[in-house]
Protein backbone atom coordinates (compact mmCIF):
# COMPACT_ATOMS: atom_id res chain seq x y z
CA MET A 1 101.10 108.51 112.65
CA ARG A 2 99.48 107.91 109.42
CA ARG A 3 95.97 109.18 108.70
CA HIS A 4 93.74 107.14 106.59
CA ALA A 5 90.52 108.07 105.00
CA SER A 6 87.96 106.59 102.79
CA ALA A 7 84.26 105.70 102.91
CA LEU A 8 82.48 102.72 101.59
CA ILE A 9 78.69 103.71 101.25
CA LEU A 10 75.85 101.42 100.13
CA PHE A 11 73.43 103.62 98.20
CA GLY A 12 70.63 102.29 96.21
CA GLY A 13 72.11 98.85 95.88
CA ALA A 14 75.33 100.18 94.58
CA TRP A 15 78.57 100.45 96.69
CA LEU A 16 80.18 103.99 96.32
CA LEU A 17 83.89 104.40 97.23
CA GLN A 18 84.39 108.05 98.39
CA VAL A 19 87.55 109.83 99.27
CA PRO A 20 88.15 113.27 100.62
CA PRO A 21 89.52 115.89 98.20
CA LEU A 22 93.34 116.39 98.27
CA VAL A 23 94.92 119.71 98.94
CA GLU A 24 98.55 120.77 98.50
CA LYS A 25 100.24 121.92 101.69
CA GLY A 26 103.96 122.67 101.72
CA GLY A 27 104.55 120.57 98.58
CA ARG A 28 102.56 117.70 100.03
CA PHE A 29 99.15 116.40 99.03
CA VAL A 30 97.07 115.56 101.98
CA PRO A 31 93.39 114.57 102.37
CA GLN A 32 91.23 117.37 103.44
CA LEU A 33 89.49 115.48 106.17
CA THR A 34 87.56 118.49 107.46
CA THR A 35 85.51 118.50 104.17
CA PRO A 36 81.99 117.43 104.81
CA ALA A 37 81.29 113.84 103.47
CA PRO A 38 78.85 114.98 100.83
CA LEU A 39 81.56 116.96 99.18
CA TRP A 40 84.02 113.95 98.99
CA ASP A 41 84.98 112.73 95.58
CA GLN A 42 83.64 109.64 94.14
CA ALA A 43 86.45 107.17 93.41
CA GLY A 44 84.26 104.37 92.10
CA ILE A 45 80.89 102.54 92.01
CA PHE A 46 80.59 98.86 92.54
CA ASP A 47 78.00 96.09 92.60
CA THR A 48 79.18 94.48 95.78
CA GLY A 49 80.94 95.67 98.99
CA GLU A 50 83.72 93.14 98.37
CA GLU A 51 84.59 94.88 94.89
CA CYS A 52 84.38 98.26 96.58
CA GLU A 53 86.73 97.18 99.34
CA ASN A 54 89.14 95.59 96.79
CA ALA A 55 89.22 98.97 94.94
CA ARG A 56 89.85 100.74 98.20
CA ARG A 57 92.82 98.50 98.97
CA GLU A 58 94.17 99.03 95.38
CA LEU A 59 93.86 102.87 95.93
CA VAL A 60 95.78 102.59 99.25
CA ALA A 61 98.44 100.49 97.56
CA SER A 62 98.80 102.92 94.63
CA ALA A 63 99.11 105.86 97.07
CA GLU A 64 101.78 104.06 99.12
CA GLN A 65 103.67 103.29 95.87
CA THR A 66 103.51 106.93 94.80
CA ARG A 67 104.71 107.99 98.25
CA SER A 68 107.64 105.60 98.04
CA ARG A 69 108.69 106.74 94.65
CA ALA A 70 108.51 110.44 95.88
CA GLY A 71 111.30 109.67 98.37
CA SER A 72 111.95 111.48 101.60
CA GLY A 73 108.07 111.52 102.32
CA ASN A 74 107.24 114.55 100.32
CA LEU A 75 104.12 113.00 99.11
CA LYS A 76 101.67 111.77 101.79
CA VAL A 77 98.41 110.29 100.55
CA ASN A 78 96.76 107.69 102.63
CA PHE A 79 93.24 106.30 102.18
CA ASP A 80 92.54 103.40 104.41
CA GLY A 81 89.67 102.52 106.70
């Protein structure tokens, strides 16, 4: 089962795309989902929720491509709501 994590946050009229920090475990990079949300990394700031969602989807697609290129599932990075 895949685990996906990202957050779209409306803050002061701007949309923030937040992702949990990645940690290496056994040669794999995985989201550190236990990290409190205020310590997540900012992946972008956007004027609209739609722009933020599009960026989130691109982030997921990029992670999936990286995972595919890594072969045999050594790299598992999934950010999806």
